[in-house]
Amino acid sequence: MGCPTHHDTDGQLRASAGWLLEHVGLHPGDAVSASVRCSTNRSPTLVADTGATATDFTEALRWLIERVVEGTAITLHPEPTRIGRWESLSG
């Protein structure tokens, strides 16, 4: 596949989320849902539009994770860690 990777300080193999997202067809500025989109500066940064809810954001993250898994068999893990009450991203 050619994805850029590196080993993190904990020994985990890491892949470029931006590369993975672009590999499955998402680019800066693309809509992920009706109220969440990729930043116009970088694909792996999500931006919530006015009126977006935590549920909208969670559903957008879930959709992105599913799209990358379907296209690459790699599971994205959102960063930074979300705080407060959020739905699980695993379904």
Protein backbone atom coordinates (compact mmCIF):
# COMPACT_ATOMS: atom_id res chain seq x y z
CA MET A 1 0.00 0.00 0.00
CA GLY A 2 2.95 2.35 0.58
CA CYS A 3 1.63 4.08 3.69
CA PRO A 4 4.22 6.04 5.69
CA THR A 5 4.80 4.34 9.06
CA HIS A 6 7.04 4.73 12.09
CA HIS A 7 7.51 3.08 15.49
CA ASP A 8 6.32 5.22 18.39
CA THR A 9 8.24 5.51 21.67
CA ASP A 10 6.10 2.67 23.07
CA GLY A 11 7.15 0.39 20.19
CA GLN A 12 3.75 0.52 18.48
CA LEU A 13 3.77 0.77 14.70
CA ARG A 14 1.99 3.97 13.65
CA ALA A 15 0.63 4.93 10.24
CA SER A 16 -0.11 8.39 8.83
CA ALA A 17 -3.84 9.08 9.38
CA GLY A 18 -3.77 11.80 6.72
CA TRP A 19 -2.32 9.41 4.16
CA LEU A 20 -4.88 6.72 5.06
CA LEU A 21 -7.78 9.17 4.77
CA GLU A 22 -6.59 10.45 1.41
CA HIS A 23 -5.99 6.85 0.27
CA VAL A 24 -9.70 6.11 0.82
CA GLY A 25 -10.75 9.29 -0.99
CA LEU A 26 -11.05 11.98 1.67
CA HIS A 27 -9.25 15.29 1.21
CA PRO A 28 -8.98 18.60 3.10
CA GLY A 29 -12.36 20.38 3.10
CA ASP A 30 -14.41 17.25 2.28
CA ALA A 31 -17.70 16.76 4.12
CA VAL A 32 -17.79 13.75 6.42
CA SER A 33 -21.43 14.34 7.41
CA ALA A 34 -23.98 17.13 7.15
CA SER A 35 -22.31 19.05 9.99
CA VAL A 36 -18.72 17.70 10.22
CA ARG A 37 -15.94 18.03 7.65
CA CYS A 38 -12.22 17.59 7.23
CA SER A 39 -10.29 20.76 7.93
CA THR A 40 -9.38 22.74 4.82
CA ASN A 41 -5.76 22.54 6.02
CA ARG A 42 -5.39 18.82 6.79
CA SER A 43 -7.57 15.75 6.31
CA PRO A 44 -7.13 14.12 9.74
CA THR A 45 -8.45 17.19 11.58
CA LEU A 46 -12.23 17.26 11.83
CA VAL A 47 -14.17 20.51 12.07
CA ALA A 48 -17.71 20.73 13.44
CA ASP A 49 -19.95 23.25 11.72
CA THR A 50 -22.38 25.47 13.64
CA GLY A 51 -25.10 23.36 15.17
CA ALA A 52 -23.14 20.10 15.17
CA THR A 53 -23.64 17.92 18.22
CA ALA A 54 -21.39 15.45 20.02
CA THR A 55 -23.50 12.71 18.43
CA ASP A 56 -22.88 14.17 14.93
CA PHE A 57 -19.15 14.22 15.66
CA THR A 58 -19.14 10.67 17.03
CA GLU A 59 -21.05 9.39 13.99
CA ALA A 60 -18.59 11.18 11.67
CA LEU A 61 -15.63 9.58 13.50
CA ARG A 62 -17.30 6.17 13.33
CA TRP A 63 -17.90 6.60 9.57
CA LEU A 64 -14.24 7.61 9.00
CA ILE A 65 -12.97 4.62 10.97
CA GLU A 66 -15.23 2.25 9.01
CA ARG A 67 -14.19 3.76 5.68
CA VAL A 68 -10.47 3.36 6.45
CA VAL A 69 -10.95 -0.21 7.73
CA GLU A 70 -12.89 -1.15 4.58
CA GLY A 71 -10.24 0.40 2.33
CA THR A 72 -7.07 -0.62 4.13
CA ALA A 73 -7.85 -3.12 6.94
CA ILE A 74 -6.25 -0.59 9.35
CA THR A 75 -8.24 0.73 12.31
CA LEU A 76 -7.84 4.41 13.17
CA HIS A 77 -7.79 5.41 16.84
CA PRO A 78 -8.96 9.02 17.36
CA GLU A 79 -6.63 11.46 19.08
CA PRO A 80 -6.74 13.32 21.33
CA THR A 81 -8.71 11.31 23.83
CA ARG A 82 -12.25 12.59 24.09
CA ILE A 83 -13.48 13.75 27.49
CA GLY A 84 -16.98 13.90 28.92
CA ARG A 85 -19.87 11.65 27.95
CA TRP A 86 -19.40 10.20 24.46
CA GLU A 87 -20.86 7.22 22.68
CA SER A 88 -18.55 4.33 21.91
CA LEU A 89 -16.98 4.47 18.45
CA SER A 90 -17.13 0.70 18.09
CA GLY A 91 -20.82 0.71 17.33
